[in-house]
Amino acid sequence: MMEITPRSKIADVLNNFPELEEEIIRAAPPFENLRNPVLRRTVARLATLEQAARIGGINVLEFVNRLRREVGQPELAGGAASAVLNEFPQASSDDPPWVQGQPQVVVDGNELLMRGEVPLNRVNELLDGLAPGQFILLITNFEPQPMIEALKKQNRRLYHKVDGQNPARHLTYIGL
């Protein structure tokens, strides 16, 4: 049986627990599109429960635990919850020195695209507020090649890699 976590894709949750559709829509009304079969195949395949909670403006852990209760799974608490929610990619010794440490801002490119926003526009807005030595981390589930090319033309500092802990996650570091 599938365990429901913040990183669970909505499509996987609905395939395993179709009865949760109404609960997800109640929590995040923009996901009303799940009723449309075409959008369900696309949006639900990409979006995680964590993203749905953010879009719905609700606490991720409360949302996930509500879904878990509905299907008889124990709630996430303490260490298990923080381990799942604080999953954050760390730079490795193979990465350039300028990407060591914490990013000034983490941008979820998938979430922006789901909302119809252009990640490049958001990154450019954020770059204006960066101090020397700071960087932005863009996380996507694909290599954002057109965006990388556009930022190179702007003479931005760039580094891209696939997350060693999660091969479906692409990390693009952007600095001044």
N, C-alpha and C. Protein backbone atom coordinates (compact mmCIF):
# COMPACT_ATOMS: atom_id res chain seq x y z
N MET A 1 0.85 -1.18 0.00
CA MET A 1 0.00 0.00 0.00
C MET A 1 0.89 1.25 0.00
N MET A 2 0.50 2.24 -0.73
CA MET A 2 1.24 3.48 -0.84
C MET A 2 1.14 4.29 0.45
N GLU A 3 2.28 4.86 0.87
CA GLU A 3 2.27 5.76 2.02
C GLU A 3 2.11 7.18 1.49
N ILE A 4 1.21 7.94 2.08
CA ILE A 4 0.96 9.32 1.68
C ILE A 4 1.94 10.22 2.42
N THR A 5 2.72 11.01 1.65
CA THR A 5 3.67 11.97 2.21
C THR A 5 3.54 13.29 1.45
N PRO A 6 4.16 14.36 1.93
CA PRO A 6 4.10 15.63 1.19
C PRO A 6 4.64 15.52 -0.23
N ARG A 7 5.57 14.61 -0.46
CA ARG A 7 6.19 14.46 -1.79
C ARG A 7 5.39 13.54 -2.72
N SER A 8 4.30 12.96 -2.22
CA SER A 8 3.48 12.08 -3.06
C SER A 8 2.85 12.88 -4.20
N LYS A 9 2.90 12.32 -5.39
CA LYS A 9 2.23 12.95 -6.54
C LYS A 9 0.72 12.75 -6.38
N ILE A 10 -0.03 13.77 -6.75
CA ILE A 10 -1.49 13.68 -6.63
C ILE A 10 -2.03 12.52 -7.44
N ALA A 11 -1.49 12.28 -8.63
CA ALA A 11 -1.96 11.17 -9.46
C ALA A 11 -1.78 9.84 -8.75
N ASP A 12 -0.64 9.65 -8.09
CA ASP A 12 -0.39 8.40 -7.37
C ASP A 12 -1.37 8.24 -6.21
N VAL A 13 -1.61 9.34 -5.50
CA VAL A 13 -2.55 9.29 -4.38
C VAL A 13 -3.94 8.92 -4.89
N LEU A 14 -4.38 9.57 -5.98
CA LEU A 14 -5.73 9.30 -6.50
C LEU A 14 -5.85 7.92 -7.12
N ASN A 15 -4.77 7.42 -7.71
CA ASN A 15 -4.81 6.05 -8.25
C ASN A 15 -4.97 5.03 -7.13
N ASN A 16 -4.33 5.28 -6.00
CA ASN A 16 -4.40 4.36 -4.86
C ASN A 16 -5.61 4.62 -3.97
N PHE A 17 -6.03 5.88 -3.88
CA PHE A 17 -7.12 6.26 -2.99
C PHE A 17 -8.07 7.23 -3.71
N PRO A 18 -8.86 6.76 -4.68
CA PRO A 18 -9.72 7.66 -5.46
C PRO A 18 -10.70 8.45 -4.59
N GLU A 19 -11.02 7.91 -3.42
CA GLU A 19 -11.97 8.58 -2.53
C GLU A 19 -11.43 9.90 -1.97
N LEU A 20 -10.13 10.17 -2.14
CA LEU A 20 -9.54 11.41 -1.61
C LEU A 20 -9.68 12.61 -2.55
N GLU A 21 -10.23 12.39 -3.73
CA GLU A 21 -10.35 13.48 -4.70
C GLU A 21 -11.08 14.69 -4.10
N GLU A 22 -12.24 14.47 -3.48
CA GLU A 22 -13.02 15.58 -2.93
C GLU A 22 -12.27 16.29 -1.82
N GLU A 23 -11.54 15.54 -1.01
CA GLU A 23 -10.78 16.14 0.09
C GLU A 23 -9.67 17.04 -0.45
N ILE A 24 -9.00 16.61 -1.51
CA ILE A 24 -7.94 17.42 -2.13
C ILE A 24 -8.53 18.69 -2.73
N ILE A 25 -9.66 18.57 -3.40
CA ILE A 25 -10.30 19.73 -4.02
C ILE A 25 -10.79 20.71 -2.95
N ARG A 26 -11.34 20.19 -1.85
CA ARG A 26 -11.78 21.07 -0.75
C ARG A 26 -10.60 21.84 -0.17
N ALA A 27 -9.47 21.18 -0.03
CA ALA A 27 -8.30 21.81 0.57
C ALA A 27 -7.66 22.84 -0.37
N ALA A 28 -7.65 22.54 -1.65
CA ALA A 28 -7.02 23.41 -2.64
C ALA A 28 -7.97 23.59 -3.82
N PRO A 29 -8.91 24.54 -3.72
CA PRO A 29 -9.91 24.72 -4.77
C PRO A 29 -9.36 24.84 -6.19
N PRO A 30 -8.14 25.39 -6.41
CA PRO A 30 -7.64 25.41 -7.79
C PRO A 30 -7.52 24.01 -8.40
N PHE A 31 -7.50 22.98 -7.56
CA PHE A 31 -7.40 21.62 -8.07
C PHE A 31 -8.75 21.05 -8.48
N GLU A 32 -9.75 21.92 -8.60
CA GLU A 32 -11.04 21.54 -9.17
C GLU A 32 -10.82 20.92 -10.56
N ASN A 33 -9.73 21.31 -11.20
CA ASN A 33 -9.39 20.77 -12.52
C ASN A 33 -9.18 19.26 -12.52
N LEU A 34 -9.03 18.67 -11.34
CA LEU A 34 -8.85 17.22 -11.27
C LEU A 34 -10.07 16.49 -11.82
N ARG A 35 -11.21 17.17 -11.86
CA ARG A 35 -12.43 16.54 -12.41
C ARG A 35 -12.34 16.39 -13.93
N ASN A 36 -11.51 17.21 -14.57
CA ASN A 36 -11.33 17.13 -16.02
C ASN A 36 -10.31 16.03 -16.32
N PRO A 37 -10.70 14.96 -17.05
CA PRO A 37 -9.79 13.83 -17.28
C PRO A 37 -8.46 14.21 -17.94
N VAL A 38 -8.49 15.17 -18.86
CA VAL A 38 -7.26 15.56 -19.54
C VAL A 38 -6.32 16.26 -18.57
N LEU A 39 -6.85 17.22 -17.83
CA LEU A 39 -6.03 17.94 -16.86
C LEU A 39 -5.57 17.02 -15.73
N ARG A 40 -6.44 16.09 -15.38
CA ARG A 40 -6.06 15.14 -14.32
C ARG A 40 -4.82 14.36 -14.72
N ARG A 41 -4.74 13.97 -15.99
CA ARG A 41 -3.57 13.20 -16.45
C ARG A 41 -2.31 14.04 -16.47
N THR A 42 -2.45 15.35 -16.64
CA THR A 42 -1.25 16.19 -16.72
C THR A 42 -0.90 16.82 -15.38
N VAL A 43 -1.80 17.62 -14.83
CA VAL A 43 -1.53 18.34 -13.59
C VAL A 43 -1.27 17.37 -12.43
N ALA A 44 -2.13 16.38 -12.28
CA ALA A 44 -2.00 15.45 -11.16
C ALA A 44 -0.72 14.64 -11.24
N ARG A 45 -0.23 14.41 -12.44
CA ARG A 45 1.00 13.63 -12.60
C ARG A 45 2.22 14.43 -12.14
N LEU A 46 2.15 15.76 -12.25
CA LEU A 46 3.29 16.62 -11.91
C LEU A 46 3.24 17.15 -10.48
N ALA A 47 2.05 17.46 -9.99
CA ALA A 47 1.91 18.15 -8.71
C ALA A 47 2.01 17.19 -7.52
N THR A 48 2.70 17.67 -6.47
CA THR A 48 2.78 16.91 -5.23
C THR A 48 1.74 17.43 -4.24
N LEU A 49 1.51 16.69 -3.18
CA LEU A 49 0.60 17.16 -2.14
C LEU A 49 1.15 18.42 -1.48
N GLU A 50 2.46 18.51 -1.37
CA GLU A 50 3.08 19.70 -0.80
C GLU A 50 2.73 20.93 -1.65
N GLN A 51 2.80 20.79 -2.96
CA GLN A 51 2.46 21.90 -3.85
C GLN A 51 0.97 22.24 -3.76
N ALA A 52 0.13 21.21 -3.67
CA ALA A 52 -1.32 21.45 -3.54
C ALA A 52 -1.62 22.22 -2.27
N ALA A 53 -0.94 21.87 -1.18
CA ALA A 53 -1.17 22.56 0.09
C ALA A 53 -0.75 24.03 -0.03
N ARG A 54 0.39 24.28 -0.66
CA ARG A 54 0.86 25.66 -0.82
C ARG A 54 -0.12 26.46 -1.67
N ILE A 55 -0.59 25.86 -2.75
CA ILE A 55 -1.54 26.55 -3.63
C ILE A 55 -2.84 26.82 -2.89
N GLY A 56 -3.24 25.86 -2.04
CA GLY A 56 -4.46 26.03 -1.25
C GLY A 56 -4.28 26.92 -0.03
N GLY A 57 -3.02 27.31 0.25
CA GLY A 57 -2.75 28.18 1.38
C GLY A 57 -2.95 27.51 2.72
N ILE A 58 -2.69 26.19 2.79
CA ILE A 58 -2.87 25.45 4.04
C ILE A 58 -1.56 24.81 4.47
N ASN A 59 -1.49 24.44 5.73
CA ASN A 59 -0.30 23.80 6.29
C ASN A 59 -0.11 22.43 5.66
N VAL A 60 1.08 22.17 5.16
CA VAL A 60 1.37 20.92 4.45
C VAL A 60 1.16 19.71 5.35
N LEU A 61 1.70 19.76 6.55
CA LEU A 61 1.61 18.61 7.45
C LEU A 61 0.16 18.33 7.84
N GLU A 62 -0.61 19.38 8.12
CA GLU A 62 -2.03 19.18 8.47
C GLU A 62 -2.79 18.56 7.30
N PHE A 63 -2.52 19.03 6.10
CA PHE A 63 -3.18 18.52 4.90
C PHE A 63 -2.85 17.04 4.70
N VAL A 64 -1.57 16.71 4.74
CA VAL A 64 -1.15 15.31 4.54
C VAL A 64 -1.73 14.42 5.63
N ASN A 65 -1.70 14.90 6.87
CA ASN A 65 -2.25 14.08 7.96
C ASN A 65 -3.76 13.90 7.83
N ARG A 66 -4.46 14.91 7.30
CA ARG A 66 -5.91 14.77 7.07
C ARG A 66 -6.16 13.65 6.05
N LEU A 67 -5.37 13.63 4.97
CA LEU A 67 -5.52 12.58 3.96
C LEU A 67 -5.15 11.22 4.54
N ARG A 68 -4.09 11.19 5.32
CA ARG A 68 -3.66 9.92 5.94
C ARG A 68 -4.76 9.37 6.86
N ARG A 69 -5.38 10.25 7.66
CA ARG A 69 -6.47 9.80 8.54
C ARG A 69 -7.62 9.21 7.74
N GLU A 70 -7.95 9.86 6.60
CA GLU A 70 -9.07 9.39 5.77
C GLU A 70 -8.88 7.96 5.29
N VAL A 71 -7.63 7.55 5.08
CA VAL A 71 -7.37 6.20 4.55
C VAL A 71 -6.80 5.26 5.61
N GLY A 72 -6.81 5.70 6.88
CA GLY A 72 -6.39 4.83 7.97
C GLY A 72 -4.88 4.73 8.17
N GLN A 73 -4.12 5.69 7.67
CA GLN A 73 -2.67 5.69 7.91
C GLN A 73 -2.37 6.55 9.14
N PRO A 74 -1.37 6.16 9.93
CA PRO A 74 -1.03 6.97 11.10
C PRO A 74 -0.50 8.34 10.67
N GLU A 75 -0.74 9.33 11.51
CA GLU A 75 -0.28 10.68 11.20
C GLU A 75 1.24 10.75 11.25
N LEU A 76 1.80 11.65 10.44
CA LEU A 76 3.22 11.95 10.51
C LEU A 76 3.43 12.88 11.69
N ALA A 77 4.41 12.59 12.51
CA ALA A 77 4.69 13.44 13.66
C ALA A 77 6.16 13.39 13.99
N GLY A 78 6.61 14.39 14.72
CA GLY A 78 7.99 14.40 15.21
C GLY A 78 9.02 14.27 14.11
N GLY A 79 9.97 13.36 14.32
CA GLY A 79 11.09 13.19 13.41
C GLY A 79 10.68 12.79 12.01
N ALA A 80 9.68 11.92 11.88
CA ALA A 80 9.25 11.48 10.54
C ALA A 80 8.73 12.65 9.73
N ALA A 81 7.95 13.51 10.36
CA ALA A 81 7.40 14.66 9.65
C ALA A 81 8.49 15.64 9.27
N SER A 82 9.38 15.96 10.19
CA SER A 82 10.41 16.94 9.85
C SER A 82 11.38 16.39 8.84
N ALA A 83 11.65 15.10 8.86
CA ALA A 83 12.55 14.51 7.86
C ALA A 83 11.96 14.65 6.47
N VAL A 84 10.66 14.42 6.34
CA VAL A 84 10.01 14.52 5.04
C VAL A 84 9.90 15.98 4.60
N LEU A 85 9.52 16.86 5.51
CA LEU A 85 9.29 18.25 5.14
C LEU A 85 10.57 19.04 4.94
N ASN A 86 11.66 18.62 5.57
CA ASN A 86 12.90 19.37 5.45
C ASN A 86 13.84 18.76 4.43
N GLU A 87 13.33 17.96 3.54
CA GLU A 87 14.15 17.35 2.51
C GLU A 87 14.67 18.48 1.62
N PHE A 88 15.93 18.78 1.78
CA PHE A 88 16.50 19.90 1.06
C PHE A 88 17.82 19.47 0.43
N PRO A 89 18.03 19.74 -0.84
CA PRO A 89 19.27 19.31 -1.49
C PRO A 89 20.48 20.06 -0.96
N GLN A 90 21.51 19.33 -0.64
CA GLN A 90 22.76 19.94 -0.17
C GLN A 90 23.79 19.89 -1.29
N ALA A 91 24.60 20.93 -1.36
CA ALA A 91 25.68 20.96 -2.35
C ALA A 91 26.73 19.91 -1.97
N SER A 92 27.35 19.33 -2.97
CA SER A 92 28.40 18.35 -2.72
C SER A 92 29.76 18.97 -2.98
N SER A 93 30.81 18.25 -2.63
CA SER A 93 32.16 18.78 -2.81
C SER A 93 32.52 18.93 -4.30
N ASP A 94 31.76 18.26 -5.17
CA ASP A 94 31.99 18.38 -6.62
C ASP A 94 31.40 19.66 -7.20
N ASP A 95 30.51 20.30 -6.44
CA ASP A 95 29.85 21.52 -6.92
C ASP A 95 30.78 22.71 -6.80
N PRO A 96 30.56 23.75 -7.60
CA PRO A 96 31.40 24.95 -7.50
C PRO A 96 31.28 25.58 -6.11
N PRO A 97 32.32 26.21 -5.64
CA PRO A 97 32.29 26.80 -4.29
C PRO A 97 31.16 27.82 -4.09
N TRP A 98 30.77 28.53 -5.15
CA TRP A 98 29.76 29.58 -4.96
C TRP A 98 28.37 29.03 -4.65
N VAL A 99 28.12 27.72 -4.83
CA VAL A 99 26.80 27.16 -4.51
C VAL A 99 26.79 26.46 -3.14
N GLN A 100 27.86 26.57 -2.39
CA GLN A 100 27.90 26.00 -1.04
C GLN A 100 27.07 26.88 -0.12
N GLY A 101 26.48 26.29 0.87
CA GLY A 101 25.66 27.04 1.82
C GLY A 101 24.20 27.08 1.39
N GLN A 102 23.44 27.89 2.08
CA GLN A 102 22.01 27.98 1.83
C GLN A 102 21.70 29.00 0.74
N PRO A 103 20.78 28.66 -0.16
CA PRO A 103 20.35 29.66 -1.15
C PRO A 103 19.59 30.78 -0.46
N GLN A 104 19.64 31.94 -1.06
CA GLN A 104 18.86 33.07 -0.56
C GLN A 104 17.37 32.79 -0.75
N VAL A 105 17.04 32.18 -1.89
CA VAL A 105 15.65 31.85 -2.21
C VAL A 105 15.63 30.52 -2.95
N VAL A 106 14.61 29.68 -2.65
CA VAL A 106 14.37 28.46 -3.40
C VAL A 106 13.10 28.68 -4.20
N VAL A 107 13.18 28.44 -5.51
CA VAL A 107 12.03 28.64 -6.40
C VAL A 107 11.58 27.28 -6.92
N ASP A 108 10.31 26.97 -6.74
CA ASP A 108 9.73 25.72 -7.25
C ASP A 108 9.20 26.01 -8.66
N GLY A 109 10.00 25.68 -9.66
CA GLY A 109 9.63 25.95 -11.05
C GLY A 109 8.39 25.20 -11.49
N ASN A 110 8.19 23.99 -10.99
CA ASN A 110 7.01 23.21 -11.36
C ASN A 110 5.74 23.88 -10.87
N GLU A 111 5.79 24.39 -9.64
CA GLU A 111 4.61 25.06 -9.09
C GLU A 111 4.28 26.31 -9.88
N LEU A 112 5.31 27.09 -10.23
CA LEU A 112 5.07 28.30 -11.03
C LEU A 112 4.41 27.95 -12.36
N LEU A 113 4.93 26.93 -13.02
CA LEU A 113 4.36 26.52 -14.31
C LEU A 113 2.91 26.07 -14.16
N MET A 114 2.63 25.35 -13.07
CA MET A 114 1.25 24.90 -12.84
C MET A 114 0.30 26.08 -12.70
N ARG A 115 0.81 27.18 -12.13
CA ARG A 115 -0.03 28.36 -11.94
C ARG A 115 -0.04 29.24 -13.18
N GLY A 116 0.66 28.81 -14.24
CA GLY A 116 0.69 29.58 -15.47
C GLY A 116 1.70 30.70 -15.46
N GLU A 117 2.62 30.68 -14.49
CA GLU A 117 3.65 31.71 -14.40
C GLU A 117 4.92 31.24 -15.10
N VAL A 118 5.76 32.19 -15.48
CA VAL A 118 7.02 31.88 -16.16
C VAL A 118 8.15 31.93 -15.13
N PRO A 119 8.81 30.80 -14.86
CA PRO A 119 9.88 30.80 -13.85
C PRO A 119 10.98 31.82 -14.12
N LEU A 120 11.32 32.06 -15.38
CA LEU A 120 12.37 33.03 -15.71
C LEU A 120 12.00 34.42 -15.20
N ASN A 121 10.73 34.80 -15.33
CA ASN A 121 10.30 36.11 -14.84
C ASN A 121 10.49 36.22 -13.34
N ARG A 122 10.10 35.17 -12.61
CA ARG A 122 10.24 35.17 -11.15
C ARG A 122 11.70 35.22 -10.74
N VAL A 123 12.54 34.43 -11.39
CA VAL A 123 13.98 34.42 -11.08
C VAL A 123 14.58 35.79 -11.33
N ASN A 124 14.23 36.43 -12.44
CA ASN A 124 14.77 37.76 -12.74
C ASN A 124 14.34 38.78 -11.68
N GLU A 125 13.10 38.69 -11.20
CA GLU A 125 12.64 39.58 -10.12
C GLU A 125 13.49 39.37 -8.87
N LEU A 126 13.74 38.12 -8.54
CA LEU A 126 14.49 37.80 -7.32
C LEU A 126 15.97 38.17 -7.44
N LEU A 127 16.52 38.08 -8.64
CA LEU A 127 17.93 38.42 -8.83
C LEU A 127 18.21 39.87 -8.48
N ASP A 128 17.23 40.73 -8.69
CA ASP A 128 17.40 42.15 -8.36
C ASP A 128 17.68 42.37 -6.88
N GLY A 129 17.19 41.46 -6.03
CA GLY A 129 17.37 41.61 -4.58
C GLY A 129 18.55 40.85 -4.02
N LEU A 130 19.33 40.18 -4.86
CA LEU A 130 20.46 39.40 -4.37
C LEU A 130 21.68 40.27 -4.09
N ALA A 131 22.36 39.94 -3.03
CA ALA A 131 23.65 40.59 -2.73
C ALA A 131 24.75 39.72 -3.33
N PRO A 132 25.92 40.29 -3.56
CA PRO A 132 27.03 39.48 -4.07
C PRO A 132 27.28 38.27 -3.16
N GLY A 133 27.51 37.12 -3.79
CA GLY A 133 27.75 35.89 -3.04
C GLY A 133 26.49 35.09 -2.74
N GLN A 134 25.32 35.69 -2.92
CA GLN A 134 24.07 34.96 -2.70
C GLN A 134 23.63 34.32 -4.01
N PHE A 135 22.76 33.30 -3.89
CA PHE A 135 22.26 32.63 -5.08
C PHE A 135 20.83 32.15 -4.88
N ILE A 136 20.19 31.86 -6.00
CA ILE A 136 18.83 31.31 -6.04
C ILE A 136 18.96 29.86 -6.45
N LEU A 137 18.13 29.00 -5.87
CA LEU A 137 18.06 27.61 -6.28
C LEU A 137 16.70 27.38 -6.93
N LEU A 138 16.72 27.02 -8.21
CA LEU A 138 15.50 26.68 -8.94
C LEU A 138 15.40 25.16 -8.96
N ILE A 139 14.26 24.63 -8.51
CA ILE A 139 14.04 23.19 -8.50
C ILE A 139 12.94 22.87 -9.49
N THR A 140 13.23 21.95 -10.42
CA THR A 140 12.25 21.52 -11.43
C THR A 140 12.34 20.00 -11.58
N ASN A 141 11.40 19.45 -12.33
CA ASN A 141 11.47 18.01 -12.63
C ASN A 141 11.95 17.79 -14.06
N PHE A 142 12.63 18.78 -14.61
CA PHE A 142 13.18 18.72 -15.97
C PHE A 142 14.36 19.70 -16.03
N GLU A 143 15.21 19.54 -17.03
CA GLU A 143 16.31 20.49 -17.21
C GLU A 143 15.75 21.73 -17.91
N PRO A 144 15.79 22.88 -17.26
CA PRO A 144 15.19 24.10 -17.85
C PRO A 144 16.12 24.76 -18.86
N GLN A 145 16.44 24.06 -19.92
CA GLN A 145 17.45 24.51 -20.88
C GLN A 145 17.17 25.89 -21.49
N PRO A 146 15.95 26.20 -21.94
CA PRO A 146 15.72 27.54 -22.50
C PRO A 146 15.99 28.65 -21.46
N MET A 147 15.63 28.39 -20.23
CA MET A 147 15.86 29.37 -19.17
C MET A 147 17.35 29.51 -18.89
N ILE A 148 18.06 28.40 -18.88
CA ILE A 148 19.51 28.44 -18.67
C ILE A 148 20.16 29.28 -19.76
N GLU A 149 19.75 29.07 -21.00
CA GLU A 149 20.32 29.85 -22.12
C GLU A 149 20.02 31.34 -21.96
N ALA A 150 18.78 31.66 -21.57
CA ALA A 150 18.40 33.07 -21.39
C ALA A 150 19.23 33.72 -20.29
N LEU A 151 19.46 33.00 -19.19
CA LEU A 151 20.24 33.55 -18.08
C LEU A 151 21.71 33.68 -18.45
N LYS A 152 22.23 32.77 -19.28
CA LYS A 152 23.61 32.89 -19.74
C LYS A 152 23.78 34.17 -20.57
N LYS A 153 22.78 34.47 -21.38
CA LYS A 153 22.84 35.70 -22.20
C LYS A 153 22.83 36.95 -21.32
N GLN A 154 22.28 36.82 -20.11
CA GLN A 154 22.27 37.93 -19.15
C GLN A 154 23.56 37.95 -18.31
N ASN A 155 24.49 37.06 -18.64
CA ASN A 155 25.76 36.94 -17.91
C ASN A 155 25.56 36.58 -16.43
N ARG A 156 24.57 35.73 -16.17
CA ARG A 156 24.34 35.26 -14.80
C ARG A 156 25.25 34.07 -14.53
N ARG A 157 25.57 33.88 -13.29
CA ARG A 157 26.34 32.72 -12.86
C ARG A 157 25.37 31.54 -12.79
N LEU A 158 25.71 30.41 -13.43
CA LEU A 158 24.79 29.28 -13.50
C LEU A 158 25.50 27.96 -13.23
N TYR A 159 24.77 27.08 -12.57
CA TYR A 159 25.25 25.72 -12.38
C TYR A 159 24.00 24.83 -12.32
N HIS A 160 23.99 23.77 -13.10
CA HIS A 160 22.84 22.86 -13.14
C HIS A 160 23.32 21.44 -12.87
N LYS A 161 22.51 20.69 -12.12
CA LYS A 161 22.80 19.28 -11.89
C LYS A 161 21.51 18.55 -11.56
N VAL A 162 21.56 17.24 -11.67
CA VAL A 162 20.46 16.38 -11.22
C VAL A 162 20.73 16.08 -9.75
N ASP A 163 19.70 16.17 -8.92
CA ASP A 163 19.83 15.91 -7.49
C ASP A 163 20.28 14.47 -7.27
N GLY A 164 21.38 14.27 -6.57
CA GLY A 164 21.89 12.93 -6.30
C GLY A 164 20.97 12.10 -5.43
N GLN A 165 20.12 12.75 -4.63
CA GLN A 165 19.18 12.03 -3.76
C GLN A 165 17.86 11.72 -4.46
N ASN A 166 17.57 12.46 -5.53
CA ASN A 166 16.30 12.29 -6.23
C ASN A 166 16.52 12.58 -7.71
N PRO A 167 16.76 11.53 -8.53
CA PRO A 167 17.09 11.76 -9.93
C PRO A 167 15.99 12.42 -10.76
N ALA A 168 14.78 12.52 -10.22
CA ALA A 168 13.71 13.21 -10.94
C ALA A 168 13.74 14.71 -10.67
N ARG A 169 14.66 15.16 -9.85
CA ARG A 169 14.69 16.57 -9.47
C ARG A 169 15.95 17.23 -10.04
N HIS A 170 15.74 18.33 -10.76
CA HIS A 170 16.84 19.10 -11.35
C HIS A 170 17.07 20.35 -10.51
N LEU A 171 18.33 20.64 -10.23
CA LEU A 171 18.71 21.78 -9.42
C LEU A 171 19.49 22.76 -10.28
N THR A 172 19.00 23.98 -10.38
CA THR A 172 19.68 25.01 -11.14
C THR A 172 20.00 26.16 -10.18
N TYR A 173 21.29 26.39 -10.01
CA TYR A 173 21.78 27.45 -9.12
C TYR A 173 22.05 28.69 -9.97
N ILE A 174 21.55 29.84 -9.50
CA ILE A 174 21.65 31.07 -10.28
C ILE A 174 22.18 32.17 -9.36
N GLY A 175 23.25 32.82 -9.79
CA GLY A 175 23.83 33.90 -9.00
C GLY A 175 24.17 35.08 -9.88
N LEU A 176 24.68 36.12 -9.25
CA LEU A 176 25.04 37.33 -9.98
C LEU A 176 26.38 37.19 -10.66
